[in-house]
Amino acid sequence: MRTNSPDDNGEVLITLLENLNGEYPVYYVTGEHEEGKYFEDENKYMNEGTKEAYEDKLEELGVIVLNDEKVQLNNRKELINIYGLKEELSGNINIDDRLGKSSPQEVNILLAHTPDHFNEYAN
């Protein structure tokens, strides 16, 4: 089994997506590697335009990239909100400012790269 690592630069994900049948949507949020926080000398995303090119490739494969965005699905009588919280390198989450207030009457799913701010996400 192949796993993603700092040396992979996203190829494992691309290979997986190329082999999925496209029957179900895939949602994606960026992390520190795409944003260039770690492995700066080796990370191909540090080159200008490569982060955008990587996200474009994901979108070509049918992936819905959510960078501080929300999509709303209507599942019969329930509304399902999928929020994508882009990695914030400064550590300032400001979730309501970035994504808006969630509705307790709807199903809300948050995609976030790091669990470090779980308590803030949950409020």
Protein backbone atom coordinates (compact mmCIF):
# COMPACT_ATOMS: atom_id res chain seq x y z
CA MET A 1 0.00 0.00 0.00
CA ARG A 2 1.28 3.45 -0.88
CA THR A 3 0.97 6.24 1.63
CA ASN A 4 1.38 9.97 1.31
CA SER A 5 4.64 11.42 2.64
CA PRO A 6 6.57 14.69 2.40
CA ASP A 7 8.46 13.21 -0.57
CA ASP A 8 5.27 12.32 -2.46
CA ASN A 9 4.08 15.87 -3.36
CA GLY A 10 0.52 14.71 -3.96
CA GLU A 11 1.08 11.97 -6.52
CA VAL A 12 -0.56 9.31 -4.30
CA LEU A 13 -3.77 11.33 -4.18
CA ILE A 14 -3.71 11.98 -7.93
CA THR A 15 -3.24 8.25 -8.62
CA LEU A 16 -6.10 7.35 -6.27
CA LEU A 17 -8.43 9.88 -7.88
CA GLU A 18 -7.55 8.70 -11.39
CA ASN A 19 -8.61 5.19 -10.36
CA LEU A 20 -11.90 6.08 -8.67
CA ASN A 21 -14.97 5.59 -10.80
CA GLY A 22 -16.35 9.10 -10.20
CA GLU A 23 -19.63 7.81 -8.78
CA TYR A 24 -19.30 9.83 -5.57
CA PRO A 25 -18.08 13.39 -5.08
CA VAL A 26 -14.72 14.01 -3.42
CA TYR A 27 -14.19 17.17 -1.36
CA TYR A 28 -10.73 18.53 -0.56
CA VAL A 29 -9.11 21.20 1.61
CA THR A 30 -5.52 22.37 1.45
CA GLY A 31 -2.93 21.72 4.14
CA GLU A 32 0.42 23.12 5.13
CA HIS A 33 2.29 21.37 2.30
CA GLU A 34 0.20 23.08 -0.37
CA GLU A 35 0.47 26.35 1.52
CA GLY A 36 4.25 25.95 1.81
CA LYS A 37 4.77 25.81 5.57
CA TYR A 38 7.03 22.73 5.72
CA PHE A 39 9.69 21.19 3.50
CA GLU A 40 10.17 24.53 1.75
CA ASP A 41 13.30 23.49 -0.14
CA GLU A 42 11.81 20.23 -1.42
CA ASN A 43 8.14 21.12 -1.71
CA LYS A 44 7.13 21.63 -5.32
CA TYR A 45 4.20 23.80 -4.21
CA MET A 46 6.66 26.55 -3.24
CA ASN A 47 7.28 27.25 -6.93
CA GLU A 48 4.97 29.98 -8.14
CA GLY A 49 1.84 28.60 -9.75
CA THR A 50 2.27 24.97 -8.72
CA LYS A 51 -0.30 25.10 -5.88
CA GLU A 52 -2.84 26.45 -8.35
CA ALA A 53 -1.82 23.88 -10.98
CA TYR A 54 -2.23 21.09 -8.41
CA GLU A 55 -5.70 22.32 -7.46
CA ASP A 56 -6.58 22.63 -11.17
CA LYS A 57 -5.50 18.98 -11.67
CA LEU A 58 -7.69 17.90 -8.75
CA GLU A 59 -10.64 19.78 -10.22
CA GLU A 60 -10.02 18.16 -13.64
CA LEU A 61 -10.41 14.83 -11.85
CA GLY A 62 -13.77 15.94 -10.43
CA VAL A 63 -12.57 16.94 -6.97
CA ILE A 64 -14.38 19.84 -5.32
CA VAL A 65 -11.67 21.99 -3.70
CA LEU A 66 -13.09 24.00 -0.80
CA ASN A 67 -10.84 26.86 0.32
CA ASP A 68 -12.89 28.74 2.93
CA GLU A 69 -16.05 27.75 1.08
CA LYS A 70 -19.29 25.88 1.67
CA VAL A 71 -21.39 23.64 -0.54
CA GLN A 72 -24.94 22.74 0.36
CA LEU A 73 -26.49 19.41 -0.54
CA ASN A 74 -30.21 18.70 -0.40
CA ASN A 75 -30.85 15.16 0.80
CA ARG A 76 -34.62 14.83 0.57
CA LYS A 77 -35.82 16.75 3.65
CA GLU A 78 -32.42 17.60 5.14
CA LEU A 79 -29.87 20.19 4.14
CA ILE A 80 -26.25 19.10 4.45
CA ASN A 81 -23.56 21.77 4.56
CA ILE A 82 -19.97 20.81 3.78
CA TYR A 83 -17.54 23.49 4.88
CA GLY A 84 -13.93 23.52 3.70
CA LEU A 85 -11.56 25.43 5.98
CA LYS A 86 -8.35 26.33 4.17
CA GLU A 87 -5.18 25.81 6.22
CA GLU A 88 -4.41 29.07 8.01
CA LEU A 89 -0.68 29.31 8.56
CA SER A 90 -0.98 32.22 10.99
CA GLY A 91 -3.00 30.10 13.41
CA ASN A 92 -5.88 32.60 13.41
CA ILE A 93 -8.92 30.46 12.72
CA ASN A 94 -11.76 33.07 12.74
CA ILE A 95 -14.08 30.35 11.49
CA ASP A 96 -17.29 32.42 11.51
CA ASP A 97 -15.62 35.24 9.54
CA ARG A 98 -14.25 32.81 6.97
CA LEU A 99 -17.17 30.39 6.58
CA GLY A 100 -20.18 32.09 8.11
CA LYS A 101 -22.30 30.83 10.98
CA SER A 102 -23.50 27.24 10.77
CA SER A 103 -27.15 26.37 11.27
CA PRO A 104 -28.07 23.99 14.12
CA GLN A 105 -31.17 22.93 12.11
CA GLU A 106 -28.98 21.53 9.32
CA VAL A 107 -26.34 18.82 9.10
CA ASN A 108 -22.92 20.51 9.16
CA ILE A 109 -19.66 18.83 8.18
CA LEU A 110 -16.36 20.65 8.53
CA LEU A 111 -13.32 19.61 6.50
CA ALA A 112 -10.17 21.00 8.11
CA HIS A 113 -6.61 19.86 7.64
CA THR A 114 -5.44 20.01 11.23
CA PRO A 115 -7.19 18.81 14.41
CA ASP A 116 -5.18 21.26 16.54
CA HIS A 117 -8.10 23.69 16.78
CA PHE A 118 -10.85 21.16 17.49
CA ASN A 119 -12.38 23.12 20.38
CA GLU A 120 -12.69 26.24 18.24
CA TYR A 121 -14.17 24.20 15.37
CA ALA A 122 -16.78 22.66 17.69
CA ASN A 123 -18.13 25.98 19.01
